[in-house]
All heavy atoms as atom14 arrays in JSON, in Angstrom:
{
  "sequence": "RDRLGEFQAQAAVAALHADAPTAGETDWVQIV",
  "atom14_mask": [
    [1, 1, 1, 1, 1, 1, 1, 1, 1, 1, 1, 0, 0, 0],
    [1, 1, 1, 1, 1, 1, 1, 1, 0, 0, 0, 0, 0, 0],
    [1, 1, 1, 1, 1, 1, 1, 1, 1, 1, 1, 0, 0, 0],
    [1, 1, 1, 1, 1, 1, 1, 1, 0, 0, 0, 0, 0, 0],
    [1, 1, 1, 1, 0, 0, 0, 0, 0, 0, 0, 0, 0, 0],
    [1, 1, 1, 1, 1, 1, 1, 1, 1, 0, 0, 0, 0, 0],
    [1, 1, 1, 1, 1, 1, 1, 1, 1, 1, 1, 0, 0, 0],
    [1, 1, 1, 1, 1, 1, 1, 1, 1, 0, 0, 0, 0, 0],
    [1, 1, 1, 1, 1, 0, 0, 0, 0, 0, 0, 0, 0, 0],
    [1, 1, 1, 1, 1, 1, 1, 1, 1, 0, 0, 0, 0, 0],
    [1, 1, 1, 1, 1, 0, 0, 0, 0, 0, 0, 0, 0, 0],
    [1, 1, 1, 1, 1, 0, 0, 0, 0, 0, 0, 0, 0, 0],
    [1, 1, 1, 1, 1, 1, 1, 0, 0, 0, 0, 0, 0, 0],
    [1, 1, 1, 1, 1, 0, 0, 0, 0, 0, 0, 0, 0, 0],
    [1, 1, 1, 1, 1, 0, 0, 0, 0, 0, 0, 0, 0, 0],
    [1, 1, 1, 1, 1, 1, 1, 1, 0, 0, 0, 0, 0, 0],
    [1, 1, 1, 1, 1, 1, 1, 1, 1, 1, 0, 0, 0, 0],
    [1, 1, 1, 1, 1, 0, 0, 0, 0, 0, 0, 0, 0, 0],
    [1, 1, 1, 1, 1, 1, 1, 1, 0, 0, 0, 0, 0, 0],
    [1, 1, 1, 1, 1, 0, 0, 0, 0, 0, 0, 0, 0, 0],
    [1, 1, 1, 1, 1, 1, 1, 0, 0, 0, 0, 0, 0, 0],
    [1, 1, 1, 1, 1, 1, 1, 0, 0, 0, 0, 0, 0, 0],
    [1, 1, 1, 1, 1, 0, 0, 0, 0, 0, 0, 0, 0, 0],
    [1, 1, 1, 1, 0, 0, 0, 0, 0, 0, 0, 0, 0, 0],
    [1, 1, 1, 1, 1, 1, 1, 1, 1, 0, 0, 0, 0, 0],
    [1, 1, 1, 1, 1, 1, 1, 0, 0, 0, 0, 0, 0, 0],
    [1, 1, 1, 1, 1, 1, 1, 1, 0, 0, 0, 0, 0, 0],
    [1, 1, 1, 1, 1, 1, 1, 1, 1, 1, 1, 1, 1, 1],
    [1, 1, 1, 1, 1, 1, 1, 0, 0, 0, 0, 0, 0, 0],
    [1, 1, 1, 1, 1, 1, 1, 1, 1, 0, 0, 0, 0, 0],
    [1, 1, 1, 1, 1, 1, 1, 1, 0, 0, 0, 0, 0, 0],
    [1, 1, 1, 1, 1, 1, 1, 0, 0, 0, 0, 0, 0, 0]
  ],
  "atom14_positions": [
    [[116.07, 104.48, 107.26], [116.67, 105.41, 108.21], [117.4, 104.68, 109.34], [118.05, 105.3, 110.17], [115.59, 106.33, 108.77], [114.9, 107.14, 107.67], [113.8, 108.01, 108.19], [114.3, 109.04, 109.09], [113.55, 109.98, 109.61], [112.25, 110.02, 109.32], [114.05, 110.88, 110.41], [0.0, 0.0, 0.0], [0.0, 0.0, 0.0], [0.0, 0.0, 0.0]],
    [[117.27, 103.34, 109.39], [118.0, 102.51, 110.35], [117.74, 102.91, 111.8], [118.66, 102.94, 112.62], [119.51, 102.57, 110.04], [120.27, 101.39, 110.66], [119.62, 100.34, 110.91], [121.47, 101.52, 110.91], [0.0, 0.0, 0.0], [0.0, 0.0, 0.0], [0.0, 0.0, 0.0], [0.0, 0.0, 0.0], [0.0, 0.0, 0.0], [0.0, 0.0, 0.0]],
    [[116.48, 103.2, 112.11], [116.06, 103.47, 113.49], [114.84, 102.59, 113.77], [113.73, 103.06, 113.92], [115.73, 104.95, 113.68], [116.94, 105.88, 113.64], [116.54, 107.33, 113.54], [115.61, 107.73, 114.59], [114.91, 108.87, 114.57], [115.02, 109.69, 113.53], [114.1, 109.17, 115.55], [0.0, 0.0, 0.0], [0.0, 0.0, 0.0], [0.0, 0.0, 0.0]],
    [[115.09, 101.29, 113.83], [114.0, 100.32, 113.91], [113.22, 100.45, 115.21], [113.79, 100.6, 116.29], [114.56, 98.9, 113.79], [113.52, 97.77, 113.77], [112.66, 97.87, 112.52], [114.22, 96.41, 113.83], [0.0, 0.0, 0.0], [0.0, 0.0, 0.0], [0.0, 0.0, 0.0], [0.0, 0.0, 0.0], [0.0, 0.0, 0.0], [0.0, 0.0, 0.0]],
    [[111.9, 100.38, 115.09], [111.0, 100.36, 116.23], [109.97, 99.27, 116.02], [109.89, 98.65, 114.95], [0.0, 0.0, 0.0], [0.0, 0.0, 0.0], [0.0, 0.0, 0.0], [0.0, 0.0, 0.0], [0.0, 0.0, 0.0], [0.0, 0.0, 0.0], [0.0, 0.0, 0.0], [0.0, 0.0, 0.0], [0.0, 0.0, 0.0], [0.0, 0.0, 0.0]],
    [[109.14, 99.06, 117.04], [108.21, 97.94, 116.98], [107.17, 98.08, 115.89], [106.77, 97.07, 115.28], [107.5, 97.73, 118.33], [106.62, 98.87, 118.79], [105.83, 98.5, 120.04], [105.0, 97.56, 119.96], [106.04, 99.14, 121.08], [0.0, 0.0, 0.0], [0.0, 0.0, 0.0], [0.0, 0.0, 0.0], [0.0, 0.0, 0.0], [0.0, 0.0, 0.0]],
    [[106.72, 99.29, 115.58], [105.7, 99.43, 114.54], [106.29, 99.16, 113.16], [105.62, 98.59, 112.29], [105.06, 100.82, 114.61], [104.24, 101.05, 115.84], [104.52, 102.1, 116.71], [103.21, 100.19, 116.18], [103.78, 102.29, 117.86], [102.46, 100.37, 117.32], [102.75, 101.44, 118.18], [0.0, 0.0, 0.0], [0.0, 0.0, 0.0], [0.0, 0.0, 0.0]],
    [[107.53, 99.57, 112.94], [108.18, 99.24, 111.67], [108.34, 97.72, 111.53], [108.12, 97.17, 110.45], [109.54, 99.91, 111.59], [109.49, 101.43, 111.55], [110.87, 102.02, 111.76], [111.72, 101.95, 110.87], [111.11, 102.59, 112.93], [0.0, 0.0, 0.0], [0.0, 0.0, 0.0], [0.0, 0.0, 0.0], [0.0, 0.0, 0.0], [0.0, 0.0, 0.0]],
    [[108.72, 97.05, 112.62], [108.9, 95.59, 112.56], [107.57, 94.89, 112.3], [107.49, 93.94, 111.51], [109.53, 95.09, 113.86], [0.0, 0.0, 0.0], [0.0, 0.0, 0.0], [0.0, 0.0, 0.0], [0.0, 0.0, 0.0], [0.0, 0.0, 0.0], [0.0, 0.0, 0.0], [0.0, 0.0, 0.0], [0.0, 0.0, 0.0], [0.0, 0.0, 0.0]],
    [[106.49, 95.35, 112.96], [105.18, 94.76, 112.71], [104.75, 95.0, 111.26], [104.15, 94.12, 110.63], [104.15, 95.37, 113.66], [104.25, 94.88, 115.09], [103.05, 95.32, 115.91], [101.9, 95.03, 115.58], [103.31, 96.04, 116.97], [0.0, 0.0, 0.0], [0.0, 0.0, 0.0], [0.0, 0.0, 0.0], [0.0, 0.0, 0.0], [0.0, 0.0, 0.0]],
    [[105.04, 96.19, 110.75], [104.67, 96.5, 109.37], [105.46, 95.61, 108.4], [104.93, 95.21, 107.35], [104.94, 97.98, 109.07], [0.0, 0.0, 0.0], [0.0, 0.0, 0.0], [0.0, 0.0, 0.0], [0.0, 0.0, 0.0], [0.0, 0.0, 0.0], [0.0, 0.0, 0.0], [0.0, 0.0, 0.0], [0.0, 0.0, 0.0], [0.0, 0.0, 0.0]],
    [[106.7, 95.29, 108.75], [107.49, 94.4, 107.89], [106.86, 93.02, 107.81], [106.83, 92.4, 106.74], [108.92, 94.31, 108.43], [0.0, 0.0, 0.0], [0.0, 0.0, 0.0], [0.0, 0.0, 0.0], [0.0, 0.0, 0.0], [0.0, 0.0, 0.0], [0.0, 0.0, 0.0], [0.0, 0.0, 0.0], [0.0, 0.0, 0.0], [0.0, 0.0, 0.0]],
    [[106.33, 92.52, 108.93], [105.62, 91.23, 108.91], [104.4, 91.32, 108.0], [104.15, 90.44, 107.17], [105.21, 90.82, 110.34], [104.29, 89.59, 110.3], [106.44, 90.53, 111.2], [0.0, 0.0, 0.0], [0.0, 0.0, 0.0], [0.0, 0.0, 0.0], [0.0, 0.0, 0.0], [0.0, 0.0, 0.0], [0.0, 0.0, 0.0], [0.0, 0.0, 0.0]],
    [[103.63, 92.4, 108.16], [102.43, 92.58, 107.33], [102.78, 92.69, 105.86], [102.07, 92.18, 104.99], [101.66, 93.83, 107.79], [0.0, 0.0, 0.0], [0.0, 0.0, 0.0], [0.0, 0.0, 0.0], [0.0, 0.0, 0.0], [0.0, 0.0, 0.0], [0.0, 0.0, 0.0], [0.0, 0.0, 0.0], [0.0, 0.0, 0.0], [0.0, 0.0, 0.0]],
    [[103.91, 93.35, 105.56], [104.33, 93.5, 104.16], [104.71, 92.15, 103.55], [104.44, 91.9, 102.37], [105.51, 94.47, 104.08], [0.0, 0.0, 0.0], [0.0, 0.0, 0.0], [0.0, 0.0, 0.0], [0.0, 0.0, 0.0], [0.0, 0.0, 0.0], [0.0, 0.0, 0.0], [0.0, 0.0, 0.0], [0.0, 0.0, 0.0], [0.0, 0.0, 0.0]],
    [[105.33, 91.28, 104.34], [105.68, 89.95, 103.83], [104.43, 89.14, 103.52], [104.39, 88.4, 102.52], [106.57, 89.22, 104.84], [108.02, 89.72, 104.91], [108.72, 89.17, 106.14], [108.78, 89.33, 103.64], [0.0, 0.0, 0.0], [0.0, 0.0, 0.0], [0.0, 0.0, 0.0], [0.0, 0.0, 0.0], [0.0, 0.0, 0.0], [0.0, 0.0, 0.0]],
    [[103.41, 89.25, 104.34], [102.13, 88.59, 104.03], [101.53, 89.17, 102.76], [101.02, 88.43, 101.9], [101.15, 88.75, 105.19], [101.43, 87.86, 106.37], [101.4, 86.49, 106.27], [101.73, 88.15, 107.66], [101.68, 85.96, 107.45], [101.88, 86.94, 108.31], [0.0, 0.0, 0.0], [0.0, 0.0, 0.0], [0.0, 0.0, 0.0], [0.0, 0.0, 0.0]],
    [[101.57, 90.5, 102.63], [100.98, 91.16, 101.46], [101.72, 90.83, 100.18], [101.14, 90.8, 99.09], [100.95, 92.67, 101.68], [0.0, 0.0, 0.0], [0.0, 0.0, 0.0], [0.0, 0.0, 0.0], [0.0, 0.0, 0.0], [0.0, 0.0, 0.0], [0.0, 0.0, 0.0], [0.0, 0.0, 0.0], [0.0, 0.0, 0.0], [0.0, 0.0, 0.0]],
    [[103.01, 90.55, 100.3], [103.85, 90.31, 99.13], [103.68, 88.89, 98.57], [104.0, 88.64, 97.41], [105.32, 90.54, 99.51], [106.25, 90.46, 98.31], [106.01, 91.19, 97.33], [107.2, 89.65, 98.34], [0.0, 0.0, 0.0], [0.0, 0.0, 0.0], [0.0, 0.0, 0.0], [0.0, 0.0, 0.0], [0.0, 0.0, 0.0], [0.0, 0.0, 0.0]],
    [[103.17, 87.96, 99.39], [103.05, 86.56, 98.95], [101.85, 86.4, 98.01], [100.73, 86.71, 98.39], [102.89, 85.65, 100.16], [0.0, 0.0, 0.0], [0.0, 0.0, 0.0], [0.0, 0.0, 0.0], [0.0, 0.0, 0.0], [0.0, 0.0, 0.0], [0.0, 0.0, 0.0], [0.0, 0.0, 0.0], [0.0, 0.0, 0.0], [0.0, 0.0, 0.0]],
    [[102.06, 85.9, 96.79], [100.93, 85.7, 95.87], [99.9, 84.72, 96.41], [98.7, 84.86, 96.16], [101.59, 85.17, 94.6], [103.03, 85.55, 94.71], [103.35, 85.54, 96.18], [0.0, 0.0, 0.0], [0.0, 0.0, 0.0], [0.0, 0.0, 0.0], [0.0, 0.0, 0.0], [0.0, 0.0, 0.0], [0.0, 0.0, 0.0], [0.0, 0.0, 0.0]],
    [[100.36, 83.71, 97.15], [99.48, 82.74, 97.78], [99.97, 82.5, 99.2], [101.12, 82.79, 99.54], [99.47, 81.39, 97.02], [100.77, 80.8, 97.14], [99.12, 81.58, 95.55], [0.0, 0.0, 0.0], [0.0, 0.0, 0.0], [0.0, 0.0, 0.0], [0.0, 0.0, 0.0], [0.0, 0.0, 0.0], [0.0, 0.0, 0.0], [0.0, 0.0, 0.0]],
    [[99.09, 81.9, 100.03], [99.49, 81.61, 101.41], [100.68, 80.66, 101.45], [101.58, 80.8, 102.29], [98.31, 81.0, 102.17], [0.0, 0.0, 0.0], [0.0, 0.0, 0.0], [0.0, 0.0, 0.0], [0.0, 0.0, 0.0], [0.0, 0.0, 0.0], [0.0, 0.0, 0.0], [0.0, 0.0, 0.0], [0.0, 0.0, 0.0], [0.0, 0.0, 0.0]],
    [[100.73, 79.71, 100.51], [101.82, 78.74, 100.48], [103.16, 79.34, 100.12], [104.2, 78.72, 100.38], [0.0, 0.0, 0.0], [0.0, 0.0, 0.0], [0.0, 0.0, 0.0], [0.0, 0.0, 0.0], [0.0, 0.0, 0.0], [0.0, 0.0, 0.0], [0.0, 0.0, 0.0], [0.0, 0.0, 0.0], [0.0, 0.0, 0.0], [0.0, 0.0, 0.0]],
    [[103.15, 80.53, 99.53], [104.42, 81.17, 99.14], [104.89, 82.21, 100.16], [105.84, 82.94, 99.91], [104.24, 81.84, 97.77], [103.96, 80.86, 96.64], [103.6, 81.56, 95.34], [104.53, 81.9, 94.59], [102.4, 81.76, 95.08], [0.0, 0.0, 0.0], [0.0, 0.0, 0.0], [0.0, 0.0, 0.0], [0.0, 0.0, 0.0], [0.0, 0.0, 0.0]],
    [[104.25, 82.25, 101.32], [104.65, 83.19, 102.36], [106.05, 82.88, 102.86], [106.39, 81.72, 103.11], [103.67, 83.14, 103.55], [102.34, 83.37, 103.07], [104.01, 84.18, 104.6], [0.0, 0.0, 0.0], [0.0, 0.0, 0.0], [0.0, 0.0, 0.0], [0.0, 0.0, 0.0], [0.0, 0.0, 0.0], [0.0, 0.0, 0.0], [0.0, 0.0, 0.0]],
    [[106.88, 83.9, 103.01], [108.26, 83.73, 103.47], [108.27, 83.68, 105.01], [108.58, 84.66, 105.68], [109.14, 84.87, 102.96], [110.63, 84.63, 103.22], [110.96, 83.75, 104.04], [111.44, 85.33, 102.59], [0.0, 0.0, 0.0], [0.0, 0.0, 0.0], [0.0, 0.0, 0.0], [0.0, 0.0, 0.0], [0.0, 0.0, 0.0], [0.0, 0.0, 0.0]],
    [[107.93, 82.5, 105.56], [107.81, 82.37, 107.01], [109.16, 82.49, 107.71], [109.22, 82.92, 108.87], [107.14, 81.04, 107.36], [105.67, 81.04, 107.07], [105.03, 80.42, 106.04], [104.67, 81.74, 107.81], [103.68, 80.67, 106.1], [103.43, 81.48, 107.18], [104.68, 82.55, 108.94], [102.22, 82.0, 107.64], [103.49, 83.08, 109.41], [102.27, 82.8, 108.76]],
    [[110.23, 82.12, 107.05], [111.56, 82.24, 107.68], [111.86, 83.7, 107.98], [112.31, 84.06, 109.08], [112.64, 81.63, 106.78], [114.03, 81.9, 107.35], [112.42, 80.12, 106.64], [0.0, 0.0, 0.0], [0.0, 0.0, 0.0], [0.0, 0.0, 0.0], [0.0, 0.0, 0.0], [0.0, 0.0, 0.0], [0.0, 0.0, 0.0], [0.0, 0.0, 0.0]],
    [[111.61, 84.57, 107.0], [111.81, 86.0, 107.23], [110.87, 86.53, 108.3], [111.25, 87.4, 109.1], [111.61, 86.78, 105.93], [112.9, 87.22, 105.27], [112.69, 88.41, 104.35], [112.78, 89.56, 104.79], [112.38, 88.13, 103.1], [0.0, 0.0, 0.0], [0.0, 0.0, 0.0], [0.0, 0.0, 0.0], [0.0, 0.0, 0.0], [0.0, 0.0, 0.0]],
    [[109.63, 86.04, 108.32], [108.67, 86.5, 109.32], [109.15, 86.13, 110.72], [109.04, 86.95, 111.66], [107.27, 85.92, 109.02], [106.68, 86.6, 107.78], [106.34, 86.09, 110.22], [105.35, 86.05, 107.32], [0.0, 0.0, 0.0], [0.0, 0.0, 0.0], [0.0, 0.0, 0.0], [0.0, 0.0, 0.0], [0.0, 0.0, 0.0], [0.0, 0.0, 0.0]],
    [[109.7, 84.93, 110.88], [110.25, 84.54, 112.19], [111.37, 85.51, 112.58], [111.47, 85.93, 113.75], [110.76, 83.1, 112.17], [111.54, 82.78, 113.45], [109.61, 82.12, 112.01], [0.0, 0.0, 0.0], [0.0, 0.0, 0.0], [0.0, 0.0, 0.0], [0.0, 0.0, 0.0], [0.0, 0.0, 0.0], [0.0, 0.0, 0.0], [0.0, 0.0, 0.0]]
  ]
}
């Protein structure tokens, strides 16, 4: 919906952690 707020951004960080099969495969660049 392109109406970004802080909870959506925090959820995006959590989703990137959840998406990584292992800790070493976490996409830290996107998280930054």
